[in-house]
Protein backbone atom coordinates (compact mmCIF):
# COMPACT_ATOMS: atom_id res chain seq x y z
CA MET A 1 57.59 -36.51 4.41
CA LEU A 2 54.91 -35.96 7.04
CA ALA A 3 52.38 -37.80 4.91
CA GLU A 4 54.73 -40.77 4.63
CA ILE A 5 55.08 -40.95 8.41
CA LYS A 6 51.31 -40.77 8.85
CA LEU A 7 50.78 -43.53 6.30
CA ALA A 8 53.45 -45.67 7.94
CA ARG A 9 51.75 -45.30 11.31
CA ARG A 10 48.30 -45.91 9.86
CA PHE A 11 49.26 -49.17 8.19
CA GLY A 12 51.78 -50.28 10.80
CA VAL A 13 54.72 -50.23 8.41
CA PRO A 14 58.12 -48.78 9.27
CA PRO A 15 58.77 -45.61 7.24
CA PRO A 16 61.73 -47.00 5.28
CA HIS A 17 59.50 -49.74 3.84
CA GLY A 18 57.14 -47.14 2.46
CA GLU A 19 59.88 -45.43 0.47
CA GLY A 20 59.71 -46.13 -3.23
CA ALA A 21 56.19 -47.53 -3.03
CA SER A 22 55.07 -45.30 -5.88
CA LYS A 23 57.70 -46.92 -8.11
CA VAL A 24 56.04 -50.30 -7.60
CA PHE A 25 52.84 -48.97 -9.09
CA GLU A 26 54.68 -47.17 -11.87
CA ARG A 27 56.44 -50.38 -12.86
CA GLY A 28 53.10 -52.13 -13.06
CA GLN A 29 51.79 -49.42 -15.36
CA ARG A 30 54.93 -49.60 -17.48
CA ALA A 31 54.55 -53.36 -17.77
CA LYS A 32 50.97 -52.91 -18.93
CA GLN A 33 52.09 -50.35 -21.50
CA ALA A 34 54.79 -52.73 -22.68
CA ASP A 35 52.21 -55.50 -23.05
CA ASP A 36 50.00 -53.17 -25.07
CA GLY A 37 53.00 -52.33 -27.24
CA ASP A 38 53.77 -56.02 -27.77
CA ILE A 39 50.19 -56.65 -28.85
CA LYS A 40 50.35 -53.76 -31.33
CA VAL A 41 53.67 -55.01 -32.72
CA LYS A 42 52.26 -58.52 -33.20
CA ALA A 43 49.19 -57.11 -34.95
CA LEU A 44 51.39 -55.02 -37.24
CA HIS A 45 53.59 -58.02 -38.05
CA ALA A 46 50.47 -60.01 -38.95
CA LYS A 47 49.28 -57.18 -41.20
CA ILE A 48 52.71 -56.99 -42.87
CA GLY A 49 52.56 -60.73 -43.51
CA LEU A 50 49.12 -60.46 -45.11
CA LEU A 51 50.23 -57.56 -47.29
CA ALA A 52 53.36 -59.43 -48.37
CA ILE A 53 51.28 -62.45 -49.40
CA ALA A 54 48.84 -60.25 -51.31
CA ASN A 55 51.74 -58.47 -53.03
CA GLU A 56 53.33 -61.75 -54.13
CA PHE A 57 49.98 -63.02 -55.41
CA LEU A 58 49.35 -59.88 -57.44
CA GLN A 59 52.89 -59.89 -58.85
CA GLU A 60 52.41 -63.46 -60.08
CA LYS A 61 48.95 -62.82 -61.55
CA LEU A 62 49.83 -59.50 -63.19
CA ALA A 63 53.24 -60.59 -64.49
CA PRO A 64 51.92 -61.60 -67.96
CA TRP A 65 50.56 -58.08 -68.54
CA ILE A 66 53.43 -56.14 -66.97
CA ASP A 67 56.43 -58.04 -68.41
CA LYS A 68 55.44 -57.61 -72.10
C-alpha cells in the first residue's frame, strides 16, 4: 500500500487510478499468449489439411493393390 502511494505521488496520479494497473499489463501478456495460440492452431490446421490431401492421394493410388 505504501509503495502505491509513493508511486502515485512520484507520477502525479491519484492513488485510486493506480489500482489495478498490474492487470493492464497482465491482459496484454494474455493477449500475446492468445495470439501465439491462434498462430499455433492455424499452423496445425494447415498441417492437418496437408496430411488429409496426402492420405486421399495415397488411398486413390494404392486402391488397386489393396482392394484385390
